[in-house]
């Protein structure tokens, strides 16, 4: 819910074109990963195709750390996690778990400098 609110805010402020959506994509996919079924080979295939913005290490970490909130859910089985790892072994991605700190975007001007006078902009 919070991610969709953030996406809506970005759309309202016309900031979707500045790379924010691509930056949020791993977070969106991690949230989706927590919500899908994690039992069958079909579930594993769906996860592998859905989580293209996450690395194999990130997917496996999320599945290993998943803790069900009620007694009706089960932990993700080791066999299922191994199935995911097998399906993704040929994927060429890094073993990085966290976002690369070099992927920090500089602020961009959303207005034209010439159109604003200094009296309008307070520094």
PDB file of N, CA and C in Angstrom:
ATOM      1  N   UNK A   1       0.824  -1.190   0.000  1.00  0.00           N
ATOM      2  CA  UNK A   1       0.000   0.000   0.000  1.00  0.00           C
ATOM      3  C   UNK A   1       0.872   1.259   0.000  1.00  0.00           C
ATOM      4  N   UNK A   2       1.894   1.293   0.855  1.00  0.00           N
ATOM      5  CA  UNK A   2       2.750   2.472   0.938  1.00  0.00           C
ATOM      6  C   UNK A   2       3.513   2.707  -0.360  1.00  0.00           C
ATOM      7  N   UNK A   3       3.926   1.629  -1.015  1.00  0.00           N
ATOM      8  CA  UNK A   3       4.643   1.771  -2.276  1.00  0.00           C
ATOM      9  C   UNK A   3       3.725   2.359  -3.339  1.00  0.00           C
ATOM     10  N   UNK A   4       2.477   1.897  -3.372  1.00  0.00           N
ATOM     11  CA  UNK A   4       1.543   2.455  -4.357  1.00  0.00           C
ATOM     12  C   UNK A   4       1.254   3.926  -4.068  1.00  0.00           C
ATOM     13  N   UNK A   5       1.219   4.307  -2.796  1.00  0.00           N
ATOM     14  CA  UNK A   5       1.046   5.715  -2.447  1.00  0.00           C
ATOM     15  C   UNK A   5       2.231   6.543  -2.938  1.00  0.00           C
ATOM     16  N   UNK A   6       3.418   5.991  -2.796  1.00  0.00           N
ATOM     17  CA  UNK A   6       4.621   6.672  -3.262  1.00  0.00           C
ATOM     18  C   UNK A   6       4.606   6.807  -4.785  1.00  0.00           C
ATOM     19  N   UNK A   7       4.196   5.753  -5.477  1.00  0.00           N
ATOM     20  CA  UNK A   7       4.086   5.821  -6.938  1.00  0.00           C
ATOM     21  C   UNK A   7       3.072   6.873  -7.369  1.00  0.00           C
ATOM     22  N   UNK A   8       1.954   6.922  -6.674  1.00  0.00           N
ATOM     23  CA  UNK A   8       0.926   7.909  -6.990  1.00  0.00           C
ATOM     24  C   UNK A   8       1.459   9.327  -6.775  1.00  0.00           C
ATOM     25  N   UNK A   9       2.203   9.540  -5.696  1.00  0.00           N
ATOM     26  CA  UNK A   9       2.788  10.852  -5.426  1.00  0.00           C
ATOM     27  C   UNK A   9       3.772  11.234  -6.533  1.00  0.00           C
ATOM     28  N   UNK A  10       4.593  10.270  -6.970  1.00  0.00           N
ATOM     29  CA  UNK A  10       5.537  10.536  -8.056  1.00  0.00           C
ATOM     30  C   UNK A  10       4.812  10.924  -9.342  1.00  0.00           C
ATOM     31  N   UNK A  11       3.701  10.229  -9.622  1.00  0.00           N
ATOM     32  CA  UNK A  11       2.905  10.559 -10.813  1.00  0.00           C
ATOM     33  C   UNK A  11       2.319  11.965 -10.699  1.00  0.00           C
ATOM     34  N   UNK A  12       1.787  12.294  -9.530  1.00  0.00           N
ATOM     35  CA  UNK A  12       1.190  13.620  -9.324  1.00  0.00           C
ATOM     36  C   UNK A  12       2.212  14.740  -9.489  1.00  0.00           C
ATOM     37  N   UNK A  13       3.446  14.479  -9.103  1.00  0.00           N
ATOM     38  CA  UNK A  13       4.506  15.490  -9.188  1.00  0.00           C
ATOM     39  C   UNK A  13       5.294  15.392 -10.499  1.00  0.00           C
ATOM     40  N   UNK A  14       4.842  14.544 -11.420  1.00  0.00           N
ATOM     41  CA  UNK A  14       5.506  14.344 -12.713  1.00  0.00           C
ATOM     42  C   UNK A  14       6.977  13.954 -12.557  1.00  0.00           C
ATOM     43  N   UNK A  15       7.248  13.072 -11.611  1.00  0.00           N
ATOM     44  CA  UNK A  15       8.616  12.639 -11.359  1.00  0.00           C
ATOM     45  C   UNK A  15       8.886  11.213 -11.829  1.00  0.00           C
ATOM     46  N   UNK A  16       7.951  10.624 -12.529  1.00  0.00           N
ATOM     47  CA  UNK A  16       8.117   9.234 -12.973  1.00  0.00           C
ATOM     48  C   UNK A  16       9.198   9.108 -14.048  1.00  0.00           C
ATOM     49  N   UNK A  17       9.501  10.176 -14.748  1.00  0.00           N
ATOM     50  CA  UNK A  17      10.477  10.110 -15.844  1.00  0.00           C
ATOM     51  C   UNK A  17      11.914  10.317 -15.388  1.00  0.00           C
ATOM     52  N   UNK A  18      12.127  10.635 -14.130  1.00  0.00           N
ATOM     53  CA  UNK A  18      13.486  10.949 -13.664  1.00  0.00           C
ATOM     54  C   UNK A  18      14.229   9.737 -13.119  1.00  0.00           C
ATOM     55  N   UNK A  19      13.701   8.538 -13.291  1.00  0.00           N
ATOM     56  CA  UNK A  19      14.371   7.333 -12.827  1.00  0.00           C
ATOM     57  C   UNK A  19      13.866   6.817 -11.495  1.00  0.00           C
ATOM     58  N   UNK A  20      12.898   7.480 -10.904  1.00  0.00           N
ATOM     59  CA  UNK A  20      12.385   7.059  -9.600  1.00  0.00           C
ATOM     60  C   UNK A  20      11.658   5.723  -9.695  1.00  0.00           C
ATOM     61  N   UNK A  21      10.903   5.516 -10.752  1.00  0.00           N
ATOM     62  CA  UNK A  21      10.161   4.261 -10.926  1.00  0.00           C
ATOM     63  C   UNK A  21      11.127   3.083 -11.015  1.00  0.00           C
ATOM     64  N   UNK A  22      12.209   3.241 -11.759  1.00  0.00           N
ATOM     65  CA  UNK A  22      13.188   2.166 -11.899  1.00  0.00           C
ATOM     66  C   UNK A  22      13.881   1.892 -10.567  1.00  0.00           C
ATOM     67  N   UNK A  23      14.094   2.937  -9.785  1.00  0.00           N
ATOM     68  CA  UNK A  23      14.720   2.774  -8.480  1.00  0.00           C
ATOM     69  C   UNK A  23      13.794   2.026  -7.517  1.00  0.00           C
ATOM     70  N   UNK A  24      12.492   2.259  -7.635  1.00  0.00           N
ATOM     71  CA  UNK A  24      11.519   1.595  -6.771  1.00  0.00           C
ATOM     72  C   UNK A  24      11.209   0.160  -7.186  1.00  0.00           C
ATOM     73  N   UNK A  25      11.544  -0.213  -8.400  1.00  0.00           N
ATOM     74  CA  UNK A  25      11.162  -1.524  -8.932  1.00  0.00           C
ATOM     75  C   UNK A  25      11.600  -2.695  -8.044  1.00  0.00           C
ATOM     76  N   UNK A  26      12.834  -2.737  -7.524  1.00  0.00           N
ATOM     77  CA  UNK A  26      13.184  -3.850  -6.630  1.00  0.00           C
ATOM     78  C   UNK A  26      12.313  -3.914  -5.376  1.00  0.00           C
ATOM     79  N   UNK A  27      11.965  -2.766  -4.823  1.00  0.00           N
ATOM     80  CA  UNK A  27      11.096  -2.733  -3.653  1.00  0.00           C
ATOM     81  C   UNK A  27       9.705  -3.267  -3.986  1.00  0.00           C
ATOM     82  N   UNK A  28       9.180  -2.862  -5.121  1.00  0.00           N
ATOM     83  CA  UNK A  28       7.865  -3.328  -5.560  1.00  0.00           C
ATOM     84  C   UNK A  28       7.881  -4.837  -5.744  1.00  0.00           C
ATOM     85  N   UNK A  29       8.928  -5.350  -6.391  1.00  0.00           N
ATOM     86  CA  UNK A  29       9.010  -6.782  -6.629  1.00  0.00           C
ATOM     87  C   UNK A  29       9.222  -7.566  -5.333  1.00  0.00           C
ATOM     88  N   UNK A  30       9.958  -7.032  -4.389  1.00  0.00           N
ATOM     89  CA  UNK A  30      10.130  -7.700  -3.094  1.00  0.00           C
ATOM     90  C   UNK A  30       8.795  -7.786  -2.358  1.00  0.00           C
ATOM     91  N   UNK A  31       8.000  -6.726  -2.430  1.00  0.00           N
ATOM     92  CA  UNK A  31       6.675  -6.744  -1.806  1.00  0.00           C
ATOM     93  C   UNK A  31       5.780  -7.780  -2.481  1.00  0.00           C
ATOM     94  N   UNK A  32       5.843  -7.868  -3.805  1.00  0.00           N
ATOM     95  CA  UNK A  32       5.061  -8.865  -4.525  1.00  0.00           C
ATOM     96  C   UNK A  32       5.527 -10.279  -4.171  1.00  0.00           C
ATOM     97  N   UNK A  33       6.831 -10.454  -4.028  1.00  0.00           N
ATOM     98  CA  UNK A  33       7.391 -11.754  -3.677  1.00  0.00           C
ATOM     99  C   UNK A  33       6.847 -12.237  -2.332  1.00  0.00           C
ATOM    100  N   UNK A  34       6.689 -11.338  -1.405  1.00  0.00           N
ATOM    101  CA  UNK A  34       6.155 -11.713  -0.095  1.00  0.00           C
ATOM    102  C   UNK A  34       4.682 -12.113  -0.164  1.00  0.00           C
ATOM    103  N   UNK A  35       3.970 -11.671  -1.191  1.00  0.00           N
ATOM    104  CA  UNK A  35       2.534 -11.905  -1.274  1.00  0.00           C
ATOM    105  C   UNK A  35       2.143 -13.127  -2.102  1.00  0.00           C
ATOM    106  N   UNK A  36       3.015 -13.603  -2.979  1.00  0.00           N
ATOM    107  CA  UNK A  36       2.640 -14.723  -3.850  1.00  0.00           C
ATOM    108  C   UNK A  36       2.791 -16.059  -3.132  1.00  0.00           C
ATOM    109  N   UNK A  37       2.143 -17.090  -3.713  1.00  0.00           N
ATOM    110  CA  UNK A  37       2.295 -18.439  -3.163  1.00  0.00           C
ATOM    111  C   UNK A  37       3.711 -18.932  -3.414  1.00  0.00           C
ATOM    112  N   UNK A  38       4.194 -19.736  -2.498  1.00  0.00           N
ATOM    113  CA  UNK A  38       5.568 -20.224  -2.581  1.00  0.00           C
ATOM    114  C   UNK A  38       5.604 -21.716  -2.296  1.00  0.00           C
ATOM    115  N   UNK A  39       4.965 -22.505  -3.167  1.00  0.00           N
ATOM    116  CA  UNK A  39       4.875 -23.948  -2.917  1.00  0.00           C
ATOM    117  C   UNK A  39       5.287 -24.791  -4.121  1.00  0.00           C
ATOM    118  N   UNK A  40       4.697 -24.524  -5.282  1.00  0.00           N
ATOM    119  CA  UNK A  40       4.820 -25.420  -6.427  1.00  0.00           C
ATOM    120  C   UNK A  40       5.878 -24.931  -7.419  1.00  0.00           C
ATOM    121  N   UNK A  41       6.159 -25.790  -8.409  1.00  0.00           N
ATOM    122  CA  UNK A  41       7.082 -25.401  -9.477  1.00  0.00           C
ATOM    123  C   UNK A  41       6.518 -24.234 -10.286  1.00  0.00           C
ATOM    124  N   UNK A  42       5.200 -24.188 -10.443  1.00  0.00           N
ATOM    125  CA  UNK A  42       4.576 -23.070 -11.162  1.00  0.00           C
ATOM    126  C   UNK A  42       4.774 -21.767 -10.396  1.00  0.00           C
ATOM    127  N   UNK A  43       4.694 -21.848  -9.062  1.00  0.00           N
ATOM    128  CA  UNK A  43       4.953 -20.665  -8.233  1.00  0.00           C
ATOM    129  C   UNK A  43       6.395 -20.203  -8.408  1.00  0.00           C
ATOM    130  N   UNK A  44       7.318 -21.158  -8.457  1.00  0.00           N
ATOM    131  CA  UNK A  44       8.737 -20.830  -8.642  1.00  0.00           C
ATOM    132  C   UNK A  44       8.964 -20.159  -9.993  1.00  0.00           C
ATOM    133  N   UNK A  45       8.311 -20.680 -11.021  1.00  0.00           N
ATOM    134  CA  UNK A  45       8.440 -20.080 -12.358  1.00  0.00           C
ATOM    135  C   UNK A  45       7.888 -18.656 -12.367  1.00  0.00           C
ATOM    136  N   UNK A  46       6.745 -18.465 -11.711  1.00  0.00           N
ATOM    137  CA  UNK A  46       6.148 -17.124 -11.650  1.00  0.00           C
ATOM    138  C   UNK A  46       7.070 -16.154 -10.912  1.00  0.00           C
ATOM    139  N   UNK A  47       7.669 -16.601  -9.830  1.00  0.00           N
ATOM    140  CA  UNK A  47       8.585 -15.753  -9.067  1.00  0.00           C
ATOM    141  C   UNK A  47       9.795 -15.374  -9.909  1.00  0.00           C
ATOM    142  N   UNK A  48      10.356 -16.354 -10.611  1.00  0.00           N
ATOM    143  CA  UNK A  48      11.545 -16.093 -11.427  1.00  0.00           C
ATOM    144  C   UNK A  48      11.258 -15.095 -12.545  1.00  0.00           C
ATOM    145  N   UNK A  49      10.075 -15.171 -13.134  1.00  0.00           N
ATOM    146  CA  UNK A  49       9.752 -14.229 -14.212  1.00  0.00           C
ATOM    147  C   UNK A  49       9.331 -12.864 -13.666  1.00  0.00           C
ATOM    148  N   UNK A  50       8.752 -12.830 -12.481  1.00  0.00           N
ATOM    149  CA  UNK A  50       8.269 -11.578 -11.897  1.00  0.00           C
ATOM    150  C   UNK A  50       9.403 -10.737 -11.319  1.00  0.00           C
ATOM    151  N   UNK A  51      10.402 -11.367 -10.745  1.00  0.00           N
ATOM    152  CA  UNK A  51      11.437 -10.657  -9.989  1.00  0.00           C
ATOM    153  C   UNK A  51      12.682 -10.383 -10.821  1.00  0.00           C
ATOM    154  N   UNK A  52      12.512  -9.740 -11.953  1.00  0.00           N
ATOM    155  CA  UNK A  52      13.648  -9.454 -12.838  1.00  0.00           C
ATOM    156  C   UNK A  52      14.535  -8.333 -12.324  1.00  0.00           C
ATOM    157  N   UNK A  53      14.028  -7.482 -11.440  1.00  0.00           N
ATOM    158  CA  UNK A  53      14.837  -6.375 -10.909  1.00  0.00           C
ATOM    159  C   UNK A  53      15.592  -6.767  -9.638  1.00  0.00           C
ATOM    160  N   UNK A  54      15.318  -7.962  -9.124  1.00  0.00           N
ATOM    161  CA  UNK A  54      16.021  -8.449  -7.943  1.00  0.00           C
ATOM    162  C   UNK A  54      17.093  -9.444  -8.361  1.00  0.00           C
ATOM    163  N   UNK A  55      18.199  -9.455  -7.645  1.00  0.00           N
ATOM    164  CA  UNK A  55      19.231 -10.447  -7.922  1.00  0.00           C
ATOM    165  C   UNK A  55      18.811 -11.781  -7.304  1.00  0.00           C
ATOM    166  N   UNK A  56      19.472 -12.834  -7.738  1.00  0.00           N
ATOM    167  CA  UNK A  56      19.203 -14.154  -7.171  1.00  0.00           C
ATOM    168  C   UNK A  56      19.446 -14.137  -5.666  1.00  0.00           C
ATOM    169  N   UNK A  57      20.526 -13.509  -5.235  1.00  0.00           N
ATOM    170  CA  UNK A  57      20.842 -13.431  -3.802  1.00  0.00           C
ATOM    171  C   UNK A  57      19.745 -12.710  -3.030  1.00  0.00           C
ATOM    172  N   UNK A  58      19.180 -11.659  -3.608  1.00  0.00           N
ATOM    173  CA  UNK A  58      18.110 -10.915  -2.937  1.00  0.00           C
ATOM    174  C   UNK A  58      16.846 -11.764  -2.818  1.00  0.00           C
ATOM    175  N   UNK A  59      16.488 -12.474  -3.883  1.00  0.00           N
ATOM    176  CA  UNK A  59      15.298 -13.331  -3.856  1.00  0.00           C
ATOM    177  C   UNK A  59      15.457 -14.414  -2.793  1.00  0.00           C
ATOM    178  N   UNK A  60      16.600 -15.068  -2.805  1.00  0.00           N
ATOM    179  CA  UNK A  60      16.855 -16.141  -1.832  1.00  0.00           C
ATOM    180  C   UNK A  60      16.854 -15.594  -0.410  1.00  0.00           C
ATOM    181  N   UNK A  61      17.425 -14.437  -0.198  1.00  0.00           N
ATOM    182  CA  UNK A  61      17.455 -13.825   1.139  1.00  0.00           C
ATOM    183  C   UNK A  61      16.040 -13.523   1.627  1.00  0.00           C
ATOM    184  N   UNK A  62      15.200 -12.965   0.758  1.00  0.00           N
ATOM    185  CA  UNK A  62      13.813 -12.667   1.140  1.00  0.00           C
ATOM    186  C   UNK A  62      13.087 -13.963   1.495  1.00  0.00           C
ATOM    187  N   UNK A  63      13.259 -14.995   0.684  1.00  0.00           N
ATOM    188  CA  UNK A  63      12.577 -16.263   0.950  1.00  0.00           C
ATOM    189  C   UNK A  63      13.081 -16.916   2.239  1.00  0.00           C
ATOM    190  N   UNK A  64      14.372 -16.843   2.494  1.00  0.00           N
ATOM    191  CA  UNK A  64      14.921 -17.413   3.729  1.00  0.00           C
ATOM    192  C   UNK A  64      14.452 -16.672   4.969  1.00  0.00           C
ATOM    193  N   UNK A  65      14.307 -15.369   4.865  1.00  0.00           N
ATOM    194  CA  UNK A  65      13.953 -14.548   6.025  1.00  0.00           C
ATOM    195  C   UNK A  65      12.445 -14.395   6.220  1.00  0.00           C
ATOM    196  N   UNK A  66      11.653 -14.895   5.276  1.00  0.00           N
ATOM    197  CA  UNK A  66      10.192 -14.762   5.346  1.00  0.00           C
ATOM    198  C   UNK A  66       9.669 -15.455   6.607  1.00  0.00           C
ATOM    199  N   UNK A  67       8.914 -14.722   7.399  1.00  0.00           N
ATOM    200  CA  UNK A  67       8.303 -15.271   8.608  1.00  0.00           C
ATOM    201  C   UNK A  67       6.793 -15.086   8.502  1.00  0.00           C
ATOM    202  N   UNK A  68       6.051 -16.187   8.459  1.00  0.00           N
ATOM    203  CA  UNK A  68       4.586 -16.081   8.369  1.00  0.00           C
ATOM    204  C   UNK A  68       4.009 -15.350   9.576  1.00  0.00           C
ATOM    205  N   UNK A  69       2.917 -14.622   9.351  1.00  0.00           N
ATOM    206  CA  UNK A  69       2.321 -13.839  10.434  1.00  0.00           C
ATOM    207  C   UNK A  69       1.276 -14.623  11.215  1.00  0.00           C
ATOM    208  N   UNK A  70       0.770 -15.694  10.648  1.00  0.00           N
ATOM    209  CA  UNK A  70      -0.215 -16.473  11.395  1.00  0.00           C
ATOM    210  C   UNK A  70       0.081 -17.967  11.250  1.00  0.00           C
ATOM    211  N   UNK A  71      -0.644 -18.762  12.015  1.00  0.00           N
ATOM    212  CA  UNK A  71      -0.376 -20.199  12.043  1.00  0.00           C
ATOM    213  C   UNK A  71      -0.863 -20.936  10.800  1.00  0.00           C
ATOM    214  N   UNK A  72      -1.619 -20.267   9.929  1.00  0.00           N
ATOM    215  CA  UNK A  72      -2.118 -20.920   8.729  1.00  0.00           C
ATOM    216  C   UNK A  72      -1.095 -20.919   7.604  1.00  0.00           C
ATOM    217  N   UNK A  73      -0.118 -20.055   7.697  1.00  0.00           N
ATOM    218  CA  UNK A  73       0.946 -20.010   6.701  1.00  0.00           C
ATOM    219  C   UNK A  73       2.127 -20.843   7.177  1.00  0.00           C
ATOM    220  N   UNK A  74       2.905 -21.312   6.222  1.00  0.00           N
ATOM    221  CA  UNK A  74       4.106 -22.072   6.549  1.00  0.00           C
ATOM    222  C   UNK A  74       5.323 -21.297   6.077  1.00  0.00           C
ATOM    223  N   UNK A  75       6.456 -21.611   6.677  1.00  0.00           N
ATOM    224  CA  UNK A  75       7.720 -21.041   6.198  1.00  0.00           C
ATOM    225  C   UNK A  75       7.984 -21.578   4.801  1.00  0.00           C
ATOM    226  N   UNK A  76       8.783 -20.860   4.050  1.00  0.00           N
ATOM    227  CA  UNK A  76       9.155 -21.314   2.710  1.00  0.00           C
ATOM    228  C   UNK A  76      10.097 -22.511   2.879  1.00  0.00           C
ATOM    229  N   UNK A  77       9.790 -23.588   2.179  1.00  0.00           N
ATOM    230  CA  UNK A  77      10.582 -24.806   2.338  1.00  0.00           C
ATOM    231  C   UNK A  77      11.961 -24.651   1.699  1.00  0.00           C
ATOM    232  N   UNK A  78      12.910 -25.399   2.227  1.00  0.00           N
ATOM    233  CA  UNK A  78      14.265 -25.405   1.685  1.00  0.00           C
ATOM    234  C   UNK A  78      14.245 -25.927   0.252  1.00  0.00           C
ATOM    235  N   UNK A  79      13.403 -26.908  -0.007  1.00  0.00           N
ATOM    236  CA  UNK A  79      13.295 -27.468  -1.355  1.00  0.00           C
ATOM    237  C   UNK A  79      12.817 -26.411  -2.354  1.00  0.00           C
ATOM    238  N   UNK A  80      11.871 -25.578  -1.947  1.00  0.00           N
ATOM    239  CA  UNK A  80      11.376 -24.530  -2.837  1.00  0.00           C
ATOM    240  C   UNK A  80      12.471 -23.503  -3.116  1.00  0.00           C
ATOM    241  N   UNK A  81      13.213 -23.134  -2.085  1.00  0.00           N
ATOM    242  CA  UNK A  81      14.303 -22.164  -2.267  1.00  0.00           C
ATOM    243  C   UNK A  81      15.366 -22.741  -3.199  1.00  0.00           C
ATOM    244  N   UNK A  82      15.651 -24.026  -3.066  1.00  0.00           N
ATOM    245  CA  UNK A  82      16.616 -24.668  -3.972  1.00  0.00           C
ATOM    246  C   UNK A  82      16.090 -24.688  -5.409  1.00  0.00           C
ATOM    247  N   UNK A  83      14.783 -24.882  -5.566  1.00  0.00           N
ATOM    248  CA  UNK A  83      14.177 -24.827  -6.900  1.00  0.00           C
ATOM    249  C   UNK A  83      14.391 -23.455  -7.518  1.00  0.00           C
ATOM    250  N   UNK A  84      14.174 -22.410  -6.744  1.00  0.00           N
ATOM    251  CA  UNK A  84      14.391 -21.035  -7.219  1.00  0.00           C
ATOM    252  C   UNK A  84      15.853 -20.849  -7.618  1.00  0.00           C
ATOM    253  N   UNK A  85      16.767 -21.294  -6.762  1.00  0.00           N
ATOM    254  CA  UNK A  85      18.194 -21.149  -7.054  1.00  0.00           C
ATOM    255  C   UNK A  85      18.570 -21.888  -8.338  1.00  0.00           C
ATOM    256  N   UNK A  86      18.014 -23.075  -8.543  1.00  0.00           N
ATOM    257  CA  UNK A  86      18.302 -23.855  -9.749  1.00  0.00           C
ATOM    258  C   UNK A  86      17.790 -23.139 -10.986  1.00  0.00           C
ATOM    259  N   UNK A  87      16.578 -22.606 -10.906  1.00  0.00           N
ATOM    260  CA  UNK A  87      16.003 -21.903 -12.055  1.00  0.00           C
ATOM    261  C   UNK A  87      16.767 -20.621 -12.389  1.00  0.00           C
ATOM    262  N   UNK A  88      17.351 -19.993 -11.379  1.00  0.00           N
ATOM    263  CA  UNK A  88      18.020 -18.712 -11.593  1.00  0.00           C
ATOM    264  C   UNK A  88      19.536 -18.833 -11.717  1.00  0.00           C
ATOM    265  N   UNK A  89      20.069 -20.042 -11.703  1.00  0.00           N
ATOM    266  CA  UNK A  89      21.533 -20.189 -11.690  1.00  0.00           C
ATOM    267  C   UNK A  89      22.196 -19.654 -12.951  1.00  0.00           C
ATOM    268  N   UNK A  90      21.503 -19.661 -14.083  1.00  0.00           N
ATOM    269  CA  UNK A  90      22.081 -19.156 -15.325  1.00  0.00           C
ATOM    270  C   UNK A  90      21.888 -17.652 -15.496  1.00  0.00           C
ATOM    271  N   UNK A  91      21.196 -17.043 -14.576  1.00  0.00           N
ATOM    272  CA  UNK A  91      20.965 -15.600 -14.640  1.00  0.00           C
ATOM    273  C   UNK A  91      22.280 -14.876 -14.373  1.00  0.00           C
ATOM    274  N   UNK A  92      22.558 -13.895 -15.180  1.00  0.00           N
ATOM    275  CA  UNK A  92      23.811 -13.147 -14.987  1.00  0.00           C
ATOM    276  C   UNK A  92      23.525 -11.894 -14.166  1.00  0.00           C
ATOM    277  N   UNK A  93      23.692 -12.030 -12.859  1.00  0.00           N
ATOM    278  CA  UNK A  93      23.536 -10.874 -11.988  1.00  0.00           C
ATOM    279  C   UNK A  93      24.592 -10.931 -10.895  1.00  0.00           C
ATOM    280  N   UNK A  94      24.656  -9.896 -10.119  1.00  0.00           N
ATOM    281  CA  UNK A  94      25.667  -9.825  -9.073  1.00  0.00           C
ATOM    282  C   UNK A  94      25.183 -10.577  -7.838  1.00  0.00           C
ATOM    283  N   UNK A  95      26.056 -10.758  -6.902  1.00  0.00           N
ATOM    284  CA  UNK A  95      25.705 -11.393  -5.631  1.00  0.00           C
ATOM    285  C   UNK A  95      25.441 -10.336  -4.568  1.00  0.00           C
ATOM    286  N   UNK A  96      25.153  -9.149  -5.008  1.00  0.00           N
ATOM    287  CA  UNK A  96      24.950  -8.009  -4.132  1.00  0.00           C
ATOM    288  C   UNK A  96      23.563  -8.076  -3.489  1.00  0.00           C
ATOM    289  N   UNK A  97      23.497  -7.838  -2.193  1.00  0.00           N
ATOM    290  CA  UNK A  97      22.216  -7.854  -1.493  1.00  0.00           C
ATOM    291  C   UNK A  97      21.584  -6.476  -1.402  1.00  0.00           C
ATOM    292  N   UNK A  98      22.383  -5.461  -1.192  1.00  0.00           N
ATOM    293  CA  UNK A  98      21.858  -4.113  -0.997  1.00  0.00           C
ATOM    294  C   UNK A  98      22.037  -3.276  -2.249  1.00  0.00           C
ATOM    295  N   UNK A  99      21.330  -2.161  -2.300  1.00  0.00           N
ATOM    296  CA  UNK A  99      21.431  -1.253  -3.436  1.00  0.00           C
ATOM    297  C   UNK A  99      22.831  -0.672  -3.524  1.00  0.00           C
ATOM    298  N   UNK A 100      23.318  -0.564  -4.723  1.00  0.00           N
ATOM    299  CA  UNK A 100      24.641   0.008  -4.959  1.00  0.00           C
ATOM    300  C   UNK A 100      24.610   1.486  -4.584  1.00  0.00           C
ATOM    301  N   UNK A 101      25.518   1.883  -3.737  1.00  0.00           N
ATOM    302  CA  UNK A 101      25.544   3.280  -3.296  1.00  0.00           C
ATOM    303  C   UNK A 101      25.979   4.222  -4.409  1.00  0.00           C
ATOM    304  N   UNK A 102      26.508   3.681  -5.493  1.00  0.00           N
ATOM    305  CA  UNK A 102      26.881   4.520  -6.625  1.00  0.00           C
ATOM    306  C   UNK A 102      25.661   4.903  -7.458  1.00  0.00           C
ATOM    307  N   UNK A 103      24.499   4.299  -7.164  1.00  0.00           N
ATOM    308  CA  UNK A 103      23.282   4.596  -7.907  1.00  0.00           C
ATOM    309  C   UNK A 103      22.484   5.698  -7.225  1.00  0.00           C
ATOM    310  N   UNK A 104      23.132   6.736  -6.828  1.00  0.00           N
ATOM    311  CA  UNK A 104      22.458   7.870  -6.215  1.00  0.00           C
ATOM    312  C   UNK A 104      22.299   8.939  -7.284  1.00  0.00           C
ATOM    313  N   UNK A 105      21.084   9.392  -7.442  1.00  0.00           N
ATOM    314  CA  UNK A 105      20.795  10.336  -8.510  1.00  0.00           C
ATOM    315  C   UNK A 105      20.948  11.770  -8.028  1.00  0.00           C
ATOM    316  N   UNK A 106      21.600  12.598  -8.811  1.00  0.00           N
ATOM    317  CA  UNK A 106      21.675  14.009  -8.434  1.00  0.00           C
ATOM    318  C   UNK A 106      20.305  14.659  -8.634  1.00  0.00           C
ATOM    319  N   UNK A 107      20.008  15.664  -7.846  1.00  0.00           N
ATOM    320  CA  UNK A 107      18.726  16.349  -8.048  1.00  0.00           C
ATOM    321  C   UNK A 107      18.697  17.028  -9.412  1.00  0.00           C
ATOM    322  N   UNK A 108      17.540  16.966 -10.046  1.00  0.00           N
ATOM    323  CA  UNK A 108      17.383  17.602 -11.349  1.00  0.00           C
ATOM    324  C   UNK A 108      16.461  18.791 -11.223  1.00  0.00           C
ATOM    325  N   UNK A 109      16.750  19.795 -11.987  1.00  0.00           N
ATOM    326  CA  UNK A 109      15.890  20.975 -11.983  1.00  0.00           C
ATOM    327  C   UNK A 109      14.623  20.651 -12.753  1.00  0.00           C
ATOM    328  N   UNK A 110      13.500  20.968 -12.153  1.00  0.00           N
ATOM    329  CA  UNK A 110      12.217  20.705 -12.784  1.00  0.00           C
ATOM    330  C   UNK A 110      11.623  21.968 -13.398  1.00  0.00           C
ATOM    331  N   UNK A 111      12.418  23.007 -13.504  1.00  0.00           N
ATOM    332  CA  UNK A 111      11.973  24.252 -14.111  1.00  0.00           C
ATOM    333  C   UNK A 111      13.105  24.803 -14.964  1.00  0.00           C
ATOM    334  N   UNK A 112      12.770  25.749 -15.756  1.00  0.00           N
ATOM    335  CA  UNK A 112      13.785  26.405 -16.582  1.00  0.00           C
ATOM    336  C   UNK A 112      14.305  27.621 -15.819  1.00  0.00           C
ATOM    337  N   UNK A 113      15.602  27.706 -15.715  1.00  0.00           N
ATOM    338  CA  UNK A 113      16.219  28.797 -14.953  1.00  0.00           C
ATOM    339  C   UNK A 113      15.846  30.168 -15.497  1.00  0.00           C
ATOM    340  N   UNK A 114      15.802  30.279 -16.801  1.00  0.00           N
ATOM    341  CA  UNK A 114      15.570  31.588 -17.407  1.00  0.00           C
ATOM    342  C   UNK A 114      14.192  32.142 -17.072  1.00  0.00           C
ATOM    343  N   UNK A 115      13.216  31.261 -16.796  1.00  0.00           N
ATOM    344  CA  UNK A 115      11.856  31.719 -16.576  1.00  0.00           C
ATOM    345  C   UNK A 115      11.608  32.227 -15.159  1.00  0.00           C
ATOM    346  N   UNK A 116      12.503  31.927 -14.246  1.00  0.00           N
ATOM    347  CA  UNK A 116      12.310  32.340 -12.861  1.00  0.00           C
ATOM    348  C   UNK A 116      13.244  33.493 -12.509  1.00  0.00           C
ATOM    349  N   UNK A 117      12.700  34.448 -11.841  1.00  0.00           N
ATOM    350  CA  UNK A 117      13.557  35.528 -11.362  1.00  0.00           C
ATOM    351  C   UNK A 117      14.043  35.174  -9.963  1.00  0.00           C
ATOM    352  N   UNK A 118      15.079  35.822  -9.513  1.00  0.00           N
ATOM    353  CA  UNK A 118      15.624  35.536  -8.192  1.00  0.00           C
ATOM    354  C   UNK A 118      14.672  35.931  -7.077  1.00  0.00           C
ATOM    355  N   UNK A 119      13.788  36.836  -7.346  1.00  0.00           N
ATOM    356  CA  UNK A 119      12.847  37.235  -6.300  1.00  0.00           C
ATOM    357  C   UNK A 119      11.810  36.152  -6.029  1.00  0.00           C
ATOM    358  N   UNK A 120      11.579  35.279  -7.003  1.00  0.00           N
ATOM    359  CA  UNK A 120      10.603  34.197  -6.833  1.00  0.00           C
ATOM    360  C   UNK A 120      11.216  33.054  -6.034  1.00  0.00           C
ATOM    361  N   UNK A 121      12.485  32.781  -6.257  1.00  0.00           N
ATOM    362  CA  UNK A 121      13.154  31.665  -5.595  1.00  0.00           C
ATOM    363  C   UNK A 121      13.894  32.185  -4.381  1.00  0.00           C
ATOM    364  N   UNK A 122      13.530  31.670  -3.233  1.00  0.00           N
ATOM    365  CA  UNK A 122      14.199  32.057  -1.982  1.00  0.00           C
ATOM    366  C   UNK A 122      15.258  31.030  -1.673  1.00  0.00           C
ATOM    367  N   UNK A 123      16.450  31.492  -1.448  1.00  0.00           N
ATOM    368  CA  UNK A 123      17.538  30.602  -1.120  1.00  0.00           C
ATOM    369  C   UNK A 123      17.859  30.617   0.346  1.00  0.00           C
TER     370      UNK A 123
END
